[in-house]
Amino acid sequence: MSPSAAHVGGKGQETITADTFEAVIAAIYLDRGFPPAKEFVERQVLRAMQSGAVAIQDENHKSRLLEYAQSRGLGIPRYTIAREEGPDHDRTFTIDVLIGNVRQGTGTGKNKKEAEQAAACQAMEQLTSHGDSRD
């Protein structure tokens, strides 16, 4: 990555790095086959986990919320756009997550996915901190 791109940082950098890693894996696979590609992935992922460069904990709040709600018979969470603000090139989204007809969380983000994750995180905090007796 160029020094100027690395300096900017942010979520775009994560996407570029992930896409590059995927391309390297594909190149190894196409050139040498599956076993060397698998060995490369295992070696690199293990090294990243040991150094702390990769988070081991799952941060997918939407999946956690879905599992939580379904396991308690609460239904499937629904995500609705509450608000969109800003110019087209720099939108901010606010998303509500409802379980049944009750809003359980609200999240904000620069894209819908980020806002949904934030809403699901808030919903999990709300549901688990207010004493669901089936916990």
N, C-alpha and C. Protein backbone atom coordinates (compact mmCIF):
# COMPACT_ATOMS: atom_id res chain seq x y z
N MET A 1 0.86 -1.17 0.00
CA MET A 1 0.00 0.00 0.00
C MET A 1 0.90 1.23 0.00
N SER A 2 0.51 2.22 -0.73
CA SER A 2 1.32 3.44 -0.78
C SER A 2 1.29 4.14 0.57
N PRO A 3 2.34 4.94 0.88
CA PRO A 3 2.35 5.65 2.16
C PRO A 3 1.13 6.56 2.34
N SER A 4 0.68 7.21 1.28
CA SER A 4 -0.48 8.11 1.41
C SER A 4 -1.75 7.32 1.70
N ALA A 5 -1.92 6.16 1.08
CA ALA A 5 -3.10 5.33 1.33
C ALA A 5 -3.06 4.76 2.74
N ALA A 6 -1.88 4.35 3.19
CA ALA A 6 -1.74 3.81 4.54
C ALA A 6 -2.01 4.88 5.58
N HIS A 7 -1.64 6.12 5.28
CA HIS A 7 -1.82 7.22 6.22
C HIS A 7 -3.31 7.55 6.43
N VAL A 8 -4.11 7.40 5.36
CA VAL A 8 -5.53 7.70 5.44
C VAL A 8 -6.22 6.71 6.38
N GLY A 9 -5.88 5.42 6.28
CA GLY A 9 -6.43 4.41 7.18
C GLY A 9 -7.92 4.23 7.03
N GLY A 10 -8.57 3.78 8.08
CA GLY A 10 -10.02 3.62 8.09
C GLY A 10 -10.47 2.30 7.52
N LYS A 11 -11.80 2.17 7.36
CA LYS A 11 -12.40 0.92 6.90
C LYS A 11 -12.00 0.59 5.46
N GLY A 12 -11.74 1.60 4.66
CA GLY A 12 -11.32 1.35 3.29
C GLY A 12 -10.02 0.58 3.25
N GLN A 13 -9.12 0.88 4.17
CA GLN A 13 -7.84 0.19 4.22
C GLN A 13 -8.03 -1.28 4.56
N GLU A 14 -8.95 -1.58 5.46
CA GLU A 14 -9.23 -2.97 5.80
C GLU A 14 -9.72 -3.74 4.58
N THR A 15 -10.57 -3.11 3.79
CA THR A 15 -11.11 -3.76 2.59
C THR A 15 -10.01 -4.01 1.57
N ILE A 16 -9.14 -3.03 1.36
CA ILE A 16 -8.03 -3.18 0.42
C ILE A 16 -7.11 -4.31 0.87
N THR A 17 -6.80 -4.34 2.16
CA THR A 17 -5.93 -5.39 2.69
C THR A 17 -6.58 -6.76 2.53
N ALA A 18 -7.86 -6.87 2.85
CA ALA A 18 -8.56 -8.15 2.72
C ALA A 18 -8.62 -8.60 1.27
N ASP A 19 -8.91 -7.69 0.36
CA ASP A 19 -8.95 -8.03 -1.07
C ASP A 19 -7.59 -8.48 -1.57
N THR A 20 -6.53 -7.83 -1.10
CA THR A 20 -5.17 -8.19 -1.50
C THR A 20 -4.82 -9.58 -1.00
N PHE A 21 -5.14 -9.85 0.26
CA PHE A 21 -4.88 -11.17 0.84
C PHE A 21 -5.62 -12.25 0.06
N GLU A 22 -6.86 -11.98 -0.28
CA GLU A 22 -7.66 -12.93 -1.06
C GLU A 22 -7.03 -13.18 -2.43
N ALA A 23 -6.53 -12.12 -3.06
CA ALA A 23 -5.90 -12.26 -4.38
C ALA A 23 -4.62 -13.10 -4.30
N VAL A 24 -3.84 -12.92 -3.24
CA VAL A 24 -2.62 -13.70 -3.06
C VAL A 24 -2.98 -15.18 -2.89
N ILE A 25 -3.99 -15.46 -2.09
CA ILE A 25 -4.43 -16.85 -1.89
C ILE A 25 -4.86 -17.45 -3.23
N ALA A 26 -5.63 -16.70 -4.00
CA ALA A 26 -6.09 -17.19 -5.31
C ALA A 26 -4.91 -17.45 -6.24
N ALA A 27 -3.93 -16.58 -6.23
CA ALA A 27 -2.76 -16.76 -7.08
C ALA A 27 -1.99 -18.03 -6.70
N ILE A 28 -1.82 -18.26 -5.40
CA ILE A 28 -1.14 -19.48 -4.95
C ILE A 28 -1.94 -20.70 -5.37
N TYR A 29 -3.24 -20.65 -5.19
CA TYR A 29 -4.11 -21.77 -5.56
C TYR A 29 -4.01 -22.06 -7.06
N LEU A 30 -4.10 -21.02 -7.87
CA LEU A 30 -4.06 -21.22 -9.33
C LEU A 30 -2.69 -21.70 -9.80
N ASP A 31 -1.64 -21.24 -9.13
CA ASP A 31 -0.28 -21.59 -9.55
C ASP A 31 0.18 -22.94 -9.00
N ARG A 32 -0.17 -23.25 -7.75
CA ARG A 32 0.40 -24.42 -7.08
C ARG A 32 -0.64 -25.43 -6.61
N GLY A 33 -1.93 -25.03 -6.56
CA GLY A 33 -2.96 -25.96 -6.12
C GLY A 33 -3.44 -25.71 -4.70
N PHE A 34 -4.38 -26.56 -4.27
CA PHE A 34 -5.03 -26.36 -2.99
C PHE A 34 -4.11 -26.55 -1.77
N PRO A 35 -3.32 -27.63 -1.70
CA PRO A 35 -2.51 -27.83 -0.48
C PRO A 35 -1.57 -26.66 -0.15
N PRO A 36 -0.83 -26.10 -1.11
CA PRO A 36 0.01 -24.94 -0.76
C PRO A 36 -0.80 -23.71 -0.36
N ALA A 37 -1.96 -23.52 -0.99
CA ALA A 37 -2.81 -22.37 -0.63
C ALA A 37 -3.34 -22.54 0.79
N LYS A 38 -3.76 -23.75 1.13
CA LYS A 38 -4.24 -24.02 2.49
C LYS A 38 -3.13 -23.81 3.50
N GLU A 39 -1.95 -24.29 3.21
CA GLU A 39 -0.80 -24.13 4.12
C GLU A 39 -0.48 -22.65 4.33
N PHE A 40 -0.53 -21.87 3.24
CA PHE A 40 -0.27 -20.43 3.35
C PHE A 40 -1.30 -19.75 4.26
N VAL A 41 -2.58 -20.06 4.05
CA VAL A 41 -3.65 -19.45 4.86
C VAL A 41 -3.47 -19.82 6.33
N GLU A 42 -3.28 -21.11 6.59
CA GLU A 42 -3.12 -21.54 7.98
C GLU A 42 -1.93 -20.86 8.65
N ARG A 43 -0.81 -20.79 7.95
CA ARG A 43 0.40 -20.17 8.50
C ARG A 43 0.18 -18.68 8.77
N GLN A 44 -0.42 -17.98 7.82
CA GLN A 44 -0.61 -16.54 7.97
C GLN A 44 -1.67 -16.21 9.02
N VAL A 45 -2.76 -16.96 9.05
CA VAL A 45 -3.81 -16.70 10.03
C VAL A 45 -3.31 -17.02 11.43
N LEU A 46 -2.60 -18.13 11.60
CA LEU A 46 -2.05 -18.48 12.91
C LEU A 46 -1.09 -17.39 13.39
N ARG A 47 -0.21 -16.92 12.51
CA ARG A 47 0.73 -15.87 12.86
C ARG A 47 -0.01 -14.59 13.26
N ALA A 48 -1.04 -14.23 12.52
CA ALA A 48 -1.81 -13.01 12.82
C ALA A 48 -2.55 -13.15 14.16
N MET A 49 -3.07 -14.33 14.43
CA MET A 49 -3.77 -14.54 15.70
C MET A 49 -2.79 -14.48 16.88
N GLN A 50 -1.63 -15.08 16.71
CA GLN A 50 -0.64 -15.08 17.79
C GLN A 50 -0.10 -13.69 18.08
N SER A 51 0.01 -12.86 17.05
CA SER A 51 0.53 -11.51 17.24
C SER A 51 -0.54 -10.53 17.73
N GLY A 52 -1.81 -10.95 17.69
CA GLY A 52 -2.90 -10.08 18.11
C GLY A 52 -3.39 -9.17 17.00
N ALA A 53 -2.92 -9.38 15.78
CA ALA A 53 -3.32 -8.54 14.65
C ALA A 53 -4.73 -8.85 14.16
N VAL A 54 -5.25 -10.03 14.52
CA VAL A 54 -6.58 -10.44 14.11
C VAL A 54 -7.41 -10.72 15.35
N ALA A 55 -8.61 -10.18 15.38
CA ALA A 55 -9.51 -10.43 16.50
C ALA A 55 -10.07 -11.83 16.39
N ILE A 56 -10.04 -12.56 17.47
CA ILE A 56 -10.54 -13.93 17.47
C ILE A 56 -12.03 -13.95 17.79
N GLN A 57 -12.51 -12.95 18.50
CA GLN A 57 -13.90 -12.90 18.91
C GLN A 57 -14.80 -12.46 17.76
N ASP A 58 -15.96 -13.08 17.66
CA ASP A 58 -16.92 -12.74 16.61
C ASP A 58 -17.58 -11.40 16.93
N GLU A 59 -17.54 -10.49 15.97
CA GLU A 59 -18.12 -9.16 16.16
C GLU A 59 -19.40 -8.99 15.33
N ASN A 60 -19.99 -10.11 14.90
CA ASN A 60 -21.19 -10.02 14.09
C ASN A 60 -22.42 -9.96 15.01
N HIS A 61 -22.77 -8.75 15.37
CA HIS A 61 -23.88 -8.55 16.30
C HIS A 61 -25.22 -8.96 15.72
N LYS A 62 -25.38 -8.83 14.40
CA LYS A 62 -26.64 -9.24 13.77
C LYS A 62 -26.86 -10.74 13.92
N SER A 63 -25.83 -11.52 13.73
CA SER A 63 -25.95 -12.98 13.89
C SER A 63 -26.25 -13.34 15.34
N ARG A 64 -25.55 -12.68 16.26
CA ARG A 64 -25.78 -12.95 17.68
C ARG A 64 -27.21 -12.62 18.07
N LEU A 65 -27.71 -11.48 17.58
CA LEU A 65 -29.08 -11.08 17.90
C LEU A 65 -30.09 -12.06 17.30
N LEU A 66 -29.87 -12.48 16.07
CA LEU A 66 -30.78 -13.44 15.42
C LEU A 66 -30.83 -14.74 16.21
N GLU A 67 -29.65 -15.26 16.59
CA GLU A 67 -29.60 -16.51 17.36
C GLU A 67 -30.30 -16.34 18.71
N TYR A 68 -30.05 -15.22 19.36
CA TYR A 68 -30.65 -14.94 20.66
C TYR A 68 -32.18 -14.89 20.55
N ALA A 69 -32.67 -14.13 19.58
CA ALA A 69 -34.11 -13.96 19.42
C ALA A 69 -34.79 -15.27 19.05
N GLN A 70 -34.21 -16.00 18.12
CA GLN A 70 -34.84 -17.26 17.69
C GLN A 70 -34.81 -18.31 18.80
N SER A 71 -33.72 -18.35 19.57
CA SER A 71 -33.64 -19.37 20.62
C SER A 71 -34.64 -19.11 21.74
N ARG A 72 -35.16 -17.90 21.81
CA ARG A 72 -36.13 -17.55 22.85
C ARG A 72 -37.54 -17.37 22.29
N GLY A 73 -37.73 -17.73 21.03
CA GLY A 73 -39.04 -17.65 20.41
C GLY A 73 -39.55 -16.23 20.22
N LEU A 74 -38.62 -15.28 20.08
CA LEU A 74 -39.01 -13.87 19.94
C LEU A 74 -39.25 -13.45 18.49
N GLY A 75 -38.92 -14.31 17.55
CA GLY A 75 -39.09 -13.97 16.14
C GLY A 75 -37.78 -13.48 15.53
N ILE A 76 -37.88 -13.08 14.29
CA ILE A 76 -36.71 -12.63 13.53
C ILE A 76 -36.61 -11.11 13.62
N PRO A 77 -35.43 -10.59 13.98
CA PRO A 77 -35.25 -9.14 14.02
C PRO A 77 -35.46 -8.51 12.63
N ARG A 78 -36.12 -7.34 12.61
CA ARG A 78 -36.33 -6.59 11.38
C ARG A 78 -35.58 -5.27 11.49
N TYR A 79 -34.90 -4.90 10.43
CA TYR A 79 -34.12 -3.66 10.39
C TYR A 79 -34.82 -2.66 9.47
N THR A 80 -35.07 -1.46 9.98
CA THR A 80 -35.72 -0.43 9.18
C THR A 80 -34.89 0.85 9.23
N ILE A 81 -34.88 1.55 8.12
CA ILE A 81 -34.16 2.83 8.06
C ILE A 81 -35.00 3.88 8.77
N ALA A 82 -34.44 4.46 9.82
CA ALA A 82 -35.13 5.51 10.56
C ALA A 82 -34.82 6.88 9.96
N ARG A 83 -33.56 7.02 9.46
CA ARG A 83 -33.15 8.33 8.94
C ARG A 83 -31.94 8.18 8.04
N GLU A 84 -31.90 9.00 7.00
CA GLU A 84 -30.72 9.14 6.13
C GLU A 84 -30.38 10.61 6.10
N GLU A 85 -29.13 10.94 6.38
CA GLU A 85 -28.73 12.34 6.42
C GLU A 85 -27.44 12.53 5.63
N GLY A 86 -27.25 13.75 5.18
CA GLY A 86 -26.02 14.12 4.49
C GLY A 86 -26.13 14.00 2.99
N PRO A 87 -25.12 14.54 2.29
CA PRO A 87 -25.12 14.47 0.83
C PRO A 87 -24.91 13.04 0.36
N ASP A 88 -25.25 12.78 -0.90
CA ASP A 88 -25.16 11.42 -1.45
C ASP A 88 -23.79 10.80 -1.28
N HIS A 89 -22.73 11.58 -1.37
CA HIS A 89 -21.38 11.04 -1.29
C HIS A 89 -20.91 10.84 0.16
N ASP A 90 -21.70 11.31 1.13
CA ASP A 90 -21.30 11.21 2.53
C ASP A 90 -22.53 11.01 3.42
N ARG A 91 -23.28 9.93 3.17
CA ARG A 91 -24.52 9.67 3.90
C ARG A 91 -24.23 9.14 5.30
N THR A 92 -25.14 9.39 6.20
CA THR A 92 -25.15 8.76 7.52
C THR A 92 -26.52 8.12 7.68
N PHE A 93 -26.50 6.84 8.04
CA PHE A 93 -27.74 6.08 8.17
C PHE A 93 -28.04 5.81 9.64
N THR A 94 -29.30 5.90 9.99
CA THR A 94 -29.78 5.51 11.31
C THR A 94 -30.79 4.39 11.10
N ILE A 95 -30.53 3.27 11.75
CA ILE A 95 -31.34 2.07 11.57
C ILE A 95 -31.94 1.66 12.91
N ASP A 96 -33.21 1.28 12.90
CA ASP A 96 -33.86 0.70 14.07
C ASP A 96 -33.95 -0.81 13.85
N VAL A 97 -33.80 -1.57 14.94
CA VAL A 97 -34.03 -3.01 14.87
C VAL A 97 -35.23 -3.31 15.76
N LEU A 98 -36.19 -4.01 15.17
CA LEU A 98 -37.42 -4.36 15.89
C LEU A 98 -37.51 -5.87 16.03
N ILE A 99 -37.96 -6.28 17.19
CA ILE A 99 -38.28 -7.68 17.40
C ILE A 99 -39.75 -7.69 17.79
N GLY A 100 -40.53 -8.36 16.96
CA GLY A 100 -41.97 -8.20 17.06
C GLY A 100 -42.25 -6.79 16.58
N ASN A 101 -42.97 -6.02 17.32
CA ASN A 101 -43.21 -4.61 16.97
C ASN A 101 -42.54 -3.67 17.94
N VAL A 102 -41.54 -4.18 18.68
CA VAL A 102 -40.85 -3.38 19.68
C VAL A 102 -39.45 -3.04 19.21
N ARG A 103 -39.15 -1.74 19.22
CA ARG A 103 -37.80 -1.31 18.86
C ARG A 103 -36.87 -1.69 20.00
N GLN A 104 -35.86 -2.49 19.68
CA GLN A 104 -34.92 -2.96 20.69
C GLN A 104 -33.59 -2.23 20.63
N GLY A 105 -33.30 -1.57 19.49
CA GLY A 105 -32.03 -0.86 19.36
C GLY A 105 -32.03 0.06 18.17
N THR A 106 -31.14 1.04 18.23
CA THR A 106 -30.95 2.00 17.14
C THR A 106 -29.45 2.16 16.94
N GLY A 107 -29.04 2.19 15.67
CA GLY A 107 -27.62 2.36 15.37
C GLY A 107 -27.41 3.32 14.23
N THR A 108 -26.24 3.94 14.23
CA THR A 108 -25.87 4.91 13.20
C THR A 108 -24.55 4.49 12.57
N GLY A 109 -24.43 4.72 11.26
CA GLY A 109 -23.20 4.38 10.57
C GLY A 109 -23.12 5.05 9.22
N LYS A 110 -21.94 4.96 8.61
CA LYS A 110 -21.71 5.56 7.30
C LYS A 110 -22.29 4.72 6.16
N ASN A 111 -22.71 3.49 6.48
CA ASN A 111 -23.42 2.68 5.50
C ASN A 111 -24.47 1.86 6.27
N LYS A 112 -25.37 1.24 5.54
CA LYS A 112 -26.47 0.52 6.19
C LYS A 112 -25.96 -0.65 7.02
N LYS A 113 -24.98 -1.36 6.51
CA LYS A 113 -24.44 -2.52 7.22
C LYS A 113 -23.87 -2.10 8.58
N GLU A 114 -23.09 -1.05 8.59
CA GLU A 114 -22.50 -0.54 9.84
C GLU A 114 -23.59 -0.11 10.83
N ALA A 115 -24.61 0.56 10.33
CA ALA A 115 -25.71 1.02 11.19
C ALA A 115 -26.50 -0.17 11.73
N GLU A 116 -26.72 -1.20 10.91
CA GLU A 116 -27.44 -2.39 11.36
C GLU A 116 -26.66 -3.11 12.46
N GLN A 117 -25.34 -3.21 12.28
CA GLN A 117 -24.50 -3.85 13.30
C GLN A 117 -24.59 -3.09 14.62
N ALA A 118 -24.55 -1.76 14.54
CA ALA A 118 -24.63 -0.94 15.75
C ALA A 118 -26.00 -1.10 16.42
N ALA A 119 -27.05 -1.18 15.63
CA ALA A 119 -28.40 -1.36 16.18
C ALA A 119 -28.51 -2.73 16.85
N ALA A 120 -27.97 -3.76 16.22
CA ALA A 120 -28.03 -5.10 16.79
C ALA A 120 -27.23 -5.17 18.09
N CYS A 121 -26.09 -4.50 18.13
CA CYS A 121 -25.28 -4.45 19.34
C CYS A 121 -26.06 -3.82 20.48
N GLN A 122 -26.70 -2.69 20.19
CA GLN A 122 -27.50 -2.02 21.22
C GLN A 122 -28.67 -2.91 21.66
N ALA A 123 -29.29 -3.60 20.73
CA ALA A 123 -30.41 -4.48 21.07
C ALA A 123 -29.95 -5.61 21.98
N MET A 124 -28.78 -6.20 21.69
CA MET A 124 -28.26 -7.27 22.55
C MET A 124 -27.99 -6.74 23.95
N GLU A 125 -27.42 -5.55 24.04
CA GLU A 125 -27.17 -4.95 25.36
C GLU A 125 -28.50 -4.73 26.09
N GLN A 126 -29.47 -4.22 25.37
CA GLN A 126 -30.80 -3.96 25.95
C GLN A 126 -31.45 -5.25 26.44
N LEU A 127 -31.44 -6.26 25.60
CA LEU A 127 -32.12 -7.52 25.95
C LEU A 127 -31.43 -8.27 27.07
N THR A 128 -30.12 -8.28 27.08
CA THR A 128 -29.40 -9.07 28.09
C THR A 128 -29.25 -8.32 29.40
N SER A 129 -29.33 -7.00 29.39
CA SER A 129 -29.16 -6.25 30.65
C SER A 129 -30.47 -6.06 31.40
N HIS A 130 -31.60 -6.27 30.73
CA HIS A 130 -32.89 -6.07 31.39
C HIS A 130 -33.52 -7.39 31.82
N GLY A 131 -32.65 -8.34 32.13
CA GLY A 131 -33.10 -9.55 32.79
C GLY A 131 -34.11 -10.39 32.06
N ASP A 132 -33.76 -10.84 30.88
CA ASP A 132 -34.61 -11.84 30.22
C ASP A 132 -34.54 -13.10 31.08
N SER A 133 -35.64 -13.51 31.65
CA SER A 133 -35.66 -14.62 32.61
C SER A 133 -35.28 -15.95 31.96
N ARG A 134 -35.28 -16.00 30.62
CA ARG A 134 -34.91 -17.23 29.93
C ARG A 134 -33.43 -17.29 29.65
N ASP A 135 -32.65 -16.33 30.13
CA ASP A 135 -31.22 -16.26 29.90
C ASP A 135 -30.45 -17.36 30.59
